[in-house]
Structures are given as structure tokens and as C-alpha cells.
Amino acid sequence: SVSGIQNLNVSCTHEKICALRYSSVELNCSYPNINIITGFWFSLKDKAKWREEEHPEDLALDSDYTGRVEYTEMTNLGSTLTITDLRERDEGEYRFVLITDKGEKYVSSVGVTLTVTDLQVVHDSKNKVLICNTSCHLTFADKQYYWYKDGQYIQDYKDNKGTFPLRNSEEVSFSCSVHGYNEILAPPLCVSRRCGTVTYPDKRVCALEGSSMEIAGNYVLPSQQSAVEVFWHSSEDFKDLKQKPEFANRVEYVKQDRNLTLKMNQLTKDDSGEYRLRIVYTSNRLSGRPGVVLNVTDLQVRLSHYAVASEERTTVTLGCITSCTLSNSPTYLWYKNGQPVTNKLTKHNKLYLISSEDAGNYSCAVKGREDLRSLEQTVTCESAKQNNNIVLSSVGE
């Protein structure tokens, strides 16, 4: 339940949405004309992260969504939430809170329920076909499918049913995608034992600038073939990363069975991009495409005045955010005027300020990399008639 907030009748374009993992989705709702000054979206599944479970908090400050949510519309007539790079944990119901010019707070009467699915190639041996499958019916995808052999698009086959006919002699891996989401392929499937595959446990990695990261790749060789060379390369070329001067002394490989893990340190934003595992074996070669996308980010402090609804005082919430969702679920640390914050309420990546004594310069870091702090955000206090309101002033260096 949501405390102290009035219900607002809304109409949403889709109350249930099924979307592909790693794709983007828009949640759009409209309502009667209302004079709003601000608003935010939230999901009740995240209430354990809020300061008080009955008071919704801004999704844009949630560490599981940072860099992936945008309020592409927040007007007197409608609100649109865009979530990019969807994850399975994004599943759930989403609603929004509006604050009017009179200080009234409204919560949407209905929400949008999001389901996230993967593509999967299924072998129907009885009918000798492959099926491009999802666990729910995709809301926004056209009924046009694309098929791939060993990662290469099959140009001469058109499909609007999600099936691919098999021949007896197929010795390649198969994958599929749907129109509009061509960059999101199903994991490759080998019908016979005479083909190789490359798969990745995680296809998105987000890491802090200056830190290190790991990307794992698994491979299966065709029967009676042995690997001559196994290495990582960027999507721009097939050159081993270890042979590139920009990665000198920053890259190492850790091999275990049929897994090769890429370790990279001293990350820079120029390292952002797609990385693929390449296998050169006795009679052929294979790169796992699409590969793993690495995003390198810094830390920023962002403020939300209305993250917590409170009648008697203004609570300012500071969020330690990134341009992508960090892969390692870190512990966040806060600093005021350069000194560690130890006596204020923090939860996950958020810091709550409620007193005029909280004015100061705030920065944040993650545990283990305290040297990689964000720039400072200056918070000042302006005295109102009856109480003190904490108001954001500026960003300092």
C-alpha cells in the first residue's frame, strides 16, 4: 500500500508488456489534465530498498536501474517511463507518483506489468524444424524472424512463423532474432555434434572507470577437433587483445576447461564496447557473436526532492548513480566535505538528508575502490516560514 497519497485514474497503453532481455521498452499512461510540478515512477517489488515501505521512492535513483531509466514524458496529461537494456529482475508492476503545484500527491490507479523473456532455439526433431521461441508473446515485435548459421545471417530465407526447416547434413549452429531487435540473438544451438558454439554467461558488464572487470566465455568444439588458438577480440577486428598496444599490461586470460575468462584492469571509458571470444580449431574458426558489451562509467551524485513522501518535512534523497547498472552489486560509501558519513541514514546507494545541519558538499564511492570518488554535489539550506527545506544549489568540482 501507498500511504498518504490519493489515487489518480489513469489509462495505460499496455497494462501488460512482454519484452526481450537487453531490449528497451516504453511504459506509457495518460490521465485527466492535472497541473504537476514533478513526478516519478516506482515498483512495489523494490519497497524493501525504500526508507519507509509505505512511501515510494524514485526509480531513477535505484541502483538496479541507474543509467537504464528515463522519464521521456512527464506532463499534465501523461507520463512515459523508458527502461533500456532490460534484465530479468526488472519484471514486475510499475506505477508512478505525481506532485501538483499545490503540493498534492497522486499515485496511478493502475500499473503496467512487465515480463522479460529470452529467445531460444528449440529443435523439433519430429517435424525436422527449428523453432524460435519465447516464454511470452512479445508485445512490440513484428512477426518477422531472422535465422543465422554460425552467427551469419541467412539472407535467402524469409520467415514469419518462427520456424526453420532442417536438412540431414547440417553441421553448423543455429540462432534466431526477431525484427526490430536484430542485435539480440538466441544462444546458438547445435543440432549435430559436428559444430562449435561460443556462449557467454553475462552479455552485459558495467564497471567503474579505473577499476577492473572480468568477462567469461564458454566454448564447445566440433567432435574430433582441437583448439589451436583461443583469444578475445573487439568487434572491430579479429586481433587478439593482447597484441594491441592500447591493452598492453592491462589484459590477461584465465583458462579453465572450455572456458576463457578475460580480465582487464585500469579501465577507461575508451574500453567501452563489444568483446568476443574467438576459437581457431583444426579445420575452421569461430567467433561468438554478438559478444559481451562492456560499459565503463564514473560515479555521480543525483538528488530527488520527492523520493520520500512526508507531510511534516522535506526529505532530500541523494543517489550515488552510474551511467549503467554496476555488475557486482557494490556497497556504497558517502562523504560530506571529504569526510566519511557515519551518522546519517543510508540504504543501498541512497543517502537521506532531513536537517538544516545536513548542508555541505557530498560525494560517493564504492567499497574497495574508495579512491574512485564522484565529483561533489553541493547541498544548501534555505529557511522557510515554518521549517527548513533542503534545496540543491550546484555541482562543485
Protein backbone atom coordinates (compact mmCIF):
# COMPACT_ATOMS: atom_id res chain seq x y z
CA SER A 1 0.00 0.00 0.00
CA VAL A 2 0.99 3.64 -0.51
CA SER A 3 0.42 5.93 2.46
CA GLY A 4 -0.98 9.47 2.35
CA ILE A 5 -1.37 9.64 -1.43
CA GLN A 6 -4.59 9.98 -3.43
CA ASN A 7 -5.46 7.59 -6.26
CA LEU A 8 -5.43 9.03 -9.78
CA ASN A 9 -7.46 7.37 -12.54
CA VAL A 10 -5.11 6.60 -15.40
CA SER A 11 -5.25 4.72 -18.69
CA CYS A 12 -2.15 2.86 -19.86
CA THR A 13 -1.47 1.95 -23.49
CA HIS A 14 -0.48 -1.57 -22.41
CA GLU A 15 -1.19 -2.84 -18.91
CA LYS A 16 0.84 -5.99 -19.64
CA ILE A 17 4.07 -5.98 -21.62
CA CYS A 18 6.33 -8.85 -22.68
CA ALA A 19 9.76 -7.74 -23.89
CA LEU A 20 13.13 -9.25 -24.75
CA ARG A 21 16.00 -9.22 -22.31
CA TYR A 22 18.55 -6.49 -23.29
CA SER A 23 15.91 -4.61 -25.32
CA SER A 24 14.25 -1.27 -24.48
CA VAL A 25 10.63 -0.72 -23.56
CA GLU A 26 8.27 2.23 -23.07
CA LEU A 27 5.56 2.24 -20.38
CA ASN A 28 3.02 4.91 -21.28
CA CYS A 29 -0.01 6.13 -19.29
CA SER A 30 -2.37 9.10 -19.63
CA TYR A 31 -4.66 10.88 -17.15
CA PRO A 32 -7.03 13.89 -16.88
CA ASN A 33 -5.37 17.30 -17.10
CA ILE A 34 -3.54 17.99 -13.83
CA ASN A 35 -1.04 20.73 -13.00
CA ILE A 36 2.07 18.82 -11.96
CA ILE A 37 5.46 20.15 -10.98
CA THR A 38 7.25 16.80 -10.83
CA GLY A 39 6.73 13.07 -10.61
CA PHE A 40 8.49 9.73 -10.63
CA TRP A 41 7.91 6.05 -11.36
CA PHE A 42 8.35 3.24 -8.85
CA SER A 43 7.87 -0.51 -8.48
CA LEU A 44 6.46 -2.10 -5.32
CA LYS A 45 8.86 -5.03 -5.72
CA ASP A 46 11.64 -2.62 -4.68
CA LYS A 47 9.97 -1.39 -1.48
CA ALA A 48 12.48 -3.23 0.73
CA LYS A 49 15.04 -0.71 -0.54
CA TRP A 50 12.96 2.32 0.46
CA ARG A 51 13.47 4.27 3.65
CA GLU A 52 9.84 3.54 4.58
CA GLU A 53 7.97 0.78 2.75
CA GLU A 54 4.72 2.78 2.50
CA HIS A 55 6.48 5.75 0.82
CA PRO A 56 7.53 5.05 -2.80
CA GLU A 57 10.94 6.21 -4.00
CA ASP A 58 12.19 7.41 -7.36
CA LEU A 59 13.12 4.52 -9.67
CA ALA A 60 15.78 6.71 -11.31
CA LEU A 61 17.81 6.62 -8.08
CA ASP A 62 17.58 2.83 -7.64
CA SER A 63 20.99 1.15 -8.01
CA ASP A 64 19.40 -1.68 -10.04
CA TYR A 65 18.18 0.80 -12.66
CA THR A 66 20.78 3.58 -12.78
CA GLY A 67 21.65 4.55 -16.32
CA ARG A 68 18.77 2.48 -17.68
CA VAL A 69 15.64 4.53 -16.89
CA GLU A 70 14.42 7.82 -18.31
CA TYR A 71 11.18 9.74 -17.90
CA THR A 72 10.72 10.52 -21.57
CA GLU A 73 7.39 12.21 -20.79
CA MET A 74 6.13 13.76 -17.54
CA THR A 75 3.41 16.26 -18.43
CA ASN A 76 -0.02 17.42 -17.23
CA LEU A 77 -1.63 14.76 -19.45
CA GLY A 78 0.67 11.76 -19.50
CA SER A 79 3.79 10.02 -18.28
CA THR A 80 6.19 7.66 -20.07
CA LEU A 81 8.90 5.54 -18.47
CA THR A 82 11.62 4.15 -20.75
CA ILE A 83 13.71 1.24 -19.46
CA THR A 84 16.71 0.21 -21.56
CA ASP A 85 18.89 -2.90 -21.52
CA LEU A 86 16.16 -4.95 -19.78
CA ARG A 87 17.10 -7.55 -17.15
CA GLU A 88 15.09 -10.46 -15.74
CA ARG A 89 14.98 -8.71 -12.36
CA ASP A 90 13.09 -5.81 -13.98
CA GLU A 91 9.96 -7.97 -14.07
CA GLY A 92 7.09 -6.60 -12.01
CA GLU A 93 4.42 -3.89 -11.84
CA TYR A 94 5.30 -0.22 -12.36
CA ARG A 95 3.30 2.80 -11.20
CA PHE A 96 4.01 6.50 -10.79
CA VAL A 97 3.53 9.34 -8.32
CA LEU A 98 2.66 12.91 -9.37
CA ILE A 99 3.11 16.05 -7.24
CA THR A 100 0.93 19.03 -8.17
CA ASP A 101 1.63 22.75 -7.95
CA LYS A 102 -0.46 22.74 -4.73
CA GLY A 103 1.68 20.05 -3.13
CA GLU A 104 -0.93 17.31 -3.59
CA LYS A 105 0.40 13.81 -4.25
CA TYR A 106 -1.30 11.27 -6.52
CA VAL A 107 -0.48 7.65 -7.33
CA SER A 108 -1.62 5.96 -10.54
CA SER A 109 -4.69 3.76 -10.03
CA VAL A 110 -3.36 1.02 -12.31
CA GLY A 111 0.13 -0.08 -13.21
CA VAL A 112 2.00 -1.69 -16.08
CA THR A 113 3.17 -5.27 -15.52
CA LEU A 114 6.42 -6.12 -17.30
CA THR A 115 7.59 -9.64 -18.18
CA VAL A 116 11.10 -10.19 -19.59
CA THR A 117 11.89 -13.17 -21.81
CA ASP A 118 14.80 -14.66 -23.75
CA LEU A 119 14.84 -16.01 -27.28
CA GLN A 120 15.53 -19.73 -27.52
CA VAL A 121 16.05 -22.08 -30.47
CA VAL A 122 14.15 -25.34 -29.93
CA HIS A 123 14.72 -28.45 -32.06
CA ASP A 124 11.51 -30.18 -33.15
CA SER A 125 13.02 -33.48 -34.31
CA LYS A 126 9.65 -34.98 -35.28
CA ASN A 127 8.88 -32.25 -37.82
CA LYS A 128 12.56 -31.61 -38.63
CA VAL A 129 12.33 -27.89 -37.92
CA LEU A 130 13.85 -25.38 -35.53
CA ILE A 131 11.53 -23.06 -33.59
CA CYS A 132 12.40 -19.53 -32.43
CA ASN A 133 10.69 -19.48 -29.07
CA THR A 134 9.88 -17.05 -26.20
CA SER A 135 8.18 -17.67 -22.86
CA CYS A 136 5.55 -14.97 -23.54
CA HIS A 137 4.12 -13.27 -26.62
CA LEU A 138 6.29 -10.25 -27.45
CA THR A 139 4.21 -7.07 -27.24
CA PHE A 140 6.08 -4.86 -29.70
CA ALA A 141 7.84 -7.28 -32.08
CA ASP A 142 6.71 -7.80 -35.68
CA LYS A 143 6.12 -11.38 -36.80
CA GLN A 144 9.29 -11.43 -38.86
CA TYR A 145 12.12 -13.73 -37.83
CA TYR A 146 15.75 -13.91 -38.90
CA TRP A 147 17.93 -17.02 -38.82
CA TYR A 148 21.69 -17.40 -38.51
CA LYS A 149 24.19 -20.18 -39.22
CA ASP A 150 27.33 -19.95 -37.10
CA GLY A 151 26.38 -16.34 -36.37
CA GLN A 152 25.99 -15.39 -40.05
CA TYR A 153 22.60 -14.12 -41.25
CA ILE A 154 20.84 -16.43 -43.74
CA GLN A 155 19.78 -13.86 -46.34
CA ASP A 156 17.84 -16.14 -48.68
CA TYR A 157 15.36 -17.40 -46.07
CA LYS A 158 12.27 -15.37 -45.17
CA ASP A 159 10.24 -16.42 -42.13
CA ASN A 160 7.09 -15.06 -40.49
CA LYS A 161 6.26 -18.19 -38.48
CA GLY A 162 9.39 -18.56 -36.35
CA THR A 163 10.46 -21.89 -37.86
CA PHE A 164 13.44 -23.07 -39.91
CA PRO A 165 13.48 -26.35 -41.92
CA LEU A 166 16.40 -28.69 -41.24
CA ARG A 167 18.37 -30.76 -43.70
CA ASN A 168 20.05 -34.00 -42.65
CA SER A 169 23.58 -32.77 -43.22
CA GLU A 170 23.54 -29.58 -41.12
CA GLU A 171 26.87 -29.22 -39.28
CA VAL A 172 26.50 -25.63 -38.07
CA SER A 173 25.00 -23.87 -35.06
CA PHE A 174 21.69 -22.05 -35.44
CA SER A 175 20.37 -18.90 -33.85
CA CYS A 176 17.44 -16.55 -34.43
CA SER A 177 16.26 -12.98 -33.83
CA VAL A 178 13.05 -11.01 -34.36
CA HIS A 179 12.50 -7.93 -36.49
CA GLY A 180 13.30 -4.71 -34.68
CA TYR A 181 15.67 -6.48 -32.28
CA ASN A 182 18.21 -7.88 -34.74
CA GLU A 183 21.11 -7.34 -32.33
CA ILE A 184 19.56 -9.71 -29.76
CA LEU A 185 20.20 -13.31 -30.82
CA ALA A 186 19.13 -16.54 -29.18
CA PRO A 187 22.00 -18.65 -27.80
CA PRO A 188 23.35 -20.88 -30.60
CA LEU A 189 22.04 -24.43 -30.86
CA CYS A 190 23.98 -27.33 -32.37
CA VAL A 191 21.77 -29.95 -33.97
CA SER A 192 24.69 -32.30 -34.60
CA ARG A 193 27.94 -32.92 -32.72
CA ARG A 194 29.90 -31.64 -35.68
CA CYS A 195 29.64 -27.92 -34.97
CA GLY A 196 31.09 -25.50 -32.44
CA THR A 197 29.47 -22.83 -30.27
CA VAL A 198 30.50 -19.89 -28.10
CA THR A 199 28.25 -18.69 -25.27
CA TYR A 200 28.53 -16.04 -22.54
CA PRO A 201 27.03 -16.29 -19.03
CA ASP A 202 26.60 -12.48 -18.93
CA LYS A 203 26.20 -10.36 -22.05
CA ARG A 204 26.35 -7.00 -20.24
CA VAL A 205 29.14 -5.81 -17.96
CA CYS A 206 29.23 -2.41 -16.25
CA ALA A 207 32.36 -1.35 -14.37
CA LEU A 208 33.84 1.79 -12.83
CA GLU A 209 36.43 3.85 -14.63
CA GLY A 210 39.83 2.98 -13.15
CA SER A 211 38.67 -0.39 -11.81
CA SER A 212 38.97 -3.91 -13.24
CA MET A 213 36.45 -6.36 -14.69
CA GLU A 214 36.06 -9.96 -15.86
CA ILE A 215 34.16 -11.42 -18.85
CA ALA A 216 33.66 -15.18 -19.16
CA GLY A 217 33.20 -17.11 -22.40
CA ASN A 218 32.41 -20.81 -22.83
CA TYR A 219 33.04 -22.79 -25.99
CA VAL A 220 32.22 -26.22 -27.41
CA LEU A 221 34.31 -27.64 -30.25
CA PRO A 222 33.05 -29.93 -33.00
CA SER A 223 33.71 -33.60 -32.28
CA GLN A 224 37.27 -34.74 -33.04
CA GLN A 225 38.52 -31.16 -33.31
CA SER A 226 41.04 -29.47 -31.04
CA ALA A 227 41.62 -25.79 -30.37
CA VAL A 228 44.71 -24.27 -31.96
CA GLU A 229 44.11 -20.79 -30.57
CA VAL A 230 41.59 -19.25 -28.15
CA PHE A 231 41.56 -15.49 -27.50
CA TRP A 232 39.40 -12.39 -27.02
CA HIS A 233 38.99 -9.62 -29.60
CA SER A 234 36.91 -6.49 -30.08
CA SER A 235 34.01 -6.35 -32.53
CA GLU A 236 36.08 -4.04 -34.75
CA ASP A 237 38.58 -6.71 -35.85
CA PHE A 238 39.84 -10.23 -35.14
CA LYS A 239 43.11 -9.21 -33.49
CA ASP A 240 43.98 -10.72 -30.10
CA LEU A 241 43.54 -8.02 -27.43
CA LYS A 242 46.94 -8.97 -26.00
CA GLN A 243 48.54 -7.91 -29.28
CA LYS A 244 47.04 -4.41 -29.19
CA PRO A 245 49.17 -1.61 -27.71
CA GLU A 246 46.19 0.08 -26.00
CA PHE A 247 45.69 -3.04 -23.86
CA ALA A 248 49.36 -3.60 -23.02
CA ASN A 249 49.85 -4.83 -19.43
CA ARG A 250 46.10 -4.45 -18.79
CA VAL A 251 44.74 -7.75 -20.14
CA GLU A 252 45.13 -11.36 -19.06
CA TYR A 253 43.32 -14.61 -19.85
CA VAL A 254 42.39 -17.30 -17.36
CA LYS A 255 41.68 -20.70 -18.95
CA GLN A 256 39.73 -23.47 -17.27
CA ASP A 257 38.46 -26.46 -19.25
CA ARG A 258 36.45 -24.93 -22.11
CA ASN A 259 36.16 -21.51 -20.58
CA LEU A 260 38.37 -18.49 -21.20
CA THR A 261 37.89 -15.50 -18.89
CA LEU A 262 39.08 -12.05 -19.95
CA LYS A 263 40.43 -9.90 -17.14
CA MET A 264 41.04 -6.21 -17.82
CA ASN A 265 42.30 -3.59 -15.37
CA GLN A 266 42.75 0.20 -15.24
CA LEU A 267 39.58 0.60 -17.26
CA THR A 268 38.96 3.76 -19.27
CA LYS A 269 35.78 4.91 -20.99
CA ASP A 270 37.51 4.15 -24.31
CA ASP A 271 37.39 0.46 -23.32
CA SER A 272 33.59 0.52 -23.63
CA GLY A 273 32.47 -1.69 -26.49
CA GLU A 274 31.73 -5.25 -27.57
CA TYR A 275 34.15 -8.12 -26.92
CA ARG A 276 34.03 -11.60 -28.47
CA LEU A 277 35.69 -14.95 -27.83
CA ARG A 278 37.36 -16.46 -30.90
CA ILE A 279 38.24 -20.12 -31.36
CA VAL A 280 40.66 -21.27 -34.06
CA TYR A 281 40.50 -25.05 -34.37
CA THR A 282 41.84 -27.73 -36.70
CA SER A 283 39.58 -27.16 -39.69
CA ASN A 284 37.80 -23.85 -39.08
CA ARG A 285 37.41 -20.80 -36.82
CA LEU A 286 34.54 -19.33 -34.85
CA SER A 287 33.73 -16.07 -33.05
CA GLY A 288 30.83 -15.81 -30.61
CA ARG A 289 28.70 -13.01 -31.97
CA PRO A 290 27.09 -10.92 -30.75
CA GLY A 291 29.56 -10.72 -27.90
CA VAL A 292 29.62 -9.14 -24.46
CA VAL A 293 29.00 -5.39 -24.19
CA LEU A 294 31.22 -3.57 -21.68
CA ASN A 295 30.22 -0.14 -20.38
CA VAL A 296 32.70 1.87 -18.30
CA THR A 297 31.19 4.54 -16.05
CA ASP A 298 32.04 7.06 -13.37
CA LEU A 299 30.02 7.88 -10.25
CA GLN A 300 27.66 10.84 -9.88
CA VAL A 301 25.53 12.21 -7.06
CA ARG A 302 21.92 12.90 -8.08
CA LEU A 303 19.14 14.42 -6.00
CA SER A 304 15.39 13.75 -5.74
CA HIS A 305 13.31 16.06 -3.52
CA TYR A 306 10.25 13.87 -3.52
CA ALA A 307 11.72 10.40 -3.17
CA VAL A 308 10.02 10.10 0.23
CA ALA A 309 6.53 11.49 0.86
CA SER A 310 6.42 13.30 4.19
CA GLU A 311 3.85 15.77 5.49
CA GLU A 312 5.85 17.48 8.19
CA ARG A 313 9.20 17.99 6.49
CA THR A 314 11.08 17.81 3.24
CA THR A 315 13.36 14.83 2.91
CA VAL A 316 16.09 15.10 0.31
CA THR A 317 17.41 11.86 -1.12
CA LEU A 318 20.84 11.70 -2.71
CA GLY A 319 21.57 8.78 -5.01
CA CYS A 320 25.01 7.52 -6.00
CA ILE A 321 24.38 6.70 -9.64
CA THR A 322 26.19 5.44 -12.71
CA SER A 323 25.53 5.56 -16.46
CA CYS A 324 24.98 1.78 -16.43
CA THR A 325 23.93 -0.72 -13.76
CA LEU A 326 27.07 -1.96 -11.98
CA SER A 327 27.56 -5.70 -12.37
CA ASN A 328 28.92 -6.50 -8.92
CA SER A 329 26.20 -5.03 -6.61
CA PRO A 330 28.69 -2.97 -4.57
CA THR A 331 28.43 -1.39 -1.13
CA TYR A 332 28.16 2.40 -1.40
CA LEU A 333 30.02 4.89 0.78
CA TRP A 334 29.21 8.56 1.36
CA TYR A 335 31.40 11.56 2.16
CA LYS A 336 30.49 15.01 3.44
CA ASN A 337 33.10 17.74 2.96
CA GLY A 338 35.62 14.97 2.24
CA GLN A 339 34.96 13.02 5.45
CA PRO A 340 33.12 9.66 5.68
CA VAL A 341 29.42 9.93 6.57
CA THR A 342 28.70 7.64 9.52
CA ASN A 343 25.77 9.20 11.39
CA LYS A 344 23.10 9.60 8.69
CA LEU A 345 20.56 7.19 7.26
CA THR A 346 21.80 5.34 4.19
CA LYS A 347 20.19 2.48 2.29
CA HIS A 348 21.74 0.74 -0.71
CA ASN A 349 23.01 3.59 -2.92
CA LYS A 350 20.94 6.34 -1.24
CA LEU A 351 21.58 8.92 1.48
CA TYR A 352 18.67 10.66 3.23
CA LEU A 353 19.00 14.27 4.45
CA ILE A 354 16.38 15.81 6.77
CA SER A 355 18.08 18.57 8.77
CA SER A 356 19.41 22.06 8.09
CA GLU A 357 22.67 20.76 9.53
CA ASP A 358 22.98 18.48 6.51
CA ALA A 359 24.17 21.31 4.26
CA GLY A 360 27.55 20.57 2.72
CA ASN A 361 29.44 19.01 -0.18
CA TYR A 362 28.61 15.35 -0.81
CA SER A 363 30.40 12.69 -2.82
CA CYS A 364 30.19 8.91 -3.01
CA ALA A 365 32.31 5.84 -3.75
CA VAL A 366 32.01 2.06 -3.66
CA LYS A 367 33.64 -0.14 -1.03
CA GLY A 368 37.02 -1.42 -2.13
CA ARG A 369 37.55 1.48 -4.56
CA GLU A 370 37.35 4.43 -2.20
CA ASP A 371 39.90 6.18 -4.42
CA LEU A 372 37.35 6.44 -7.25
CA ARG A 373 35.01 9.05 -5.77
CA SER A 374 32.36 11.01 -7.59
CA LEU A 375 32.51 14.76 -8.02
CA GLU A 376 31.00 16.66 -5.11
CA GLN A 377 27.39 17.81 -5.10
CA THR A 378 26.65 20.92 -3.02
CA VAL A 379 23.52 20.92 -0.86
CA THR A 380 22.45 24.19 0.79
CA CYS A 381 19.53 25.01 3.08
CA GLU A 382 17.00 27.78 2.61
CA SER A 383 14.86 28.67 5.61
CA ALA A 384 11.09 28.63 5.05
CA LYS A 385 8.48 30.24 7.35
CA GLN A 386 7.84 27.18 9.48
CA ASN A 387 10.54 24.70 8.66
CA ASN A 388 13.78 24.20 6.82
CA ASN A 389 13.71 22.94 3.25
CA ILE A 390 16.87 21.43 1.88
CA VAL A 391 17.42 22.71 -1.65
CA LEU A 392 20.01 21.67 -4.19
CA SER A 393 22.33 24.52 -5.06
CA SER A 394 25.02 23.48 -7.52
CA VAL A 395 27.60 20.95 -8.56
CA GLY A 396 31.11 21.66 -7.35
CA GLU A 397 34.45 20.33 -8.57
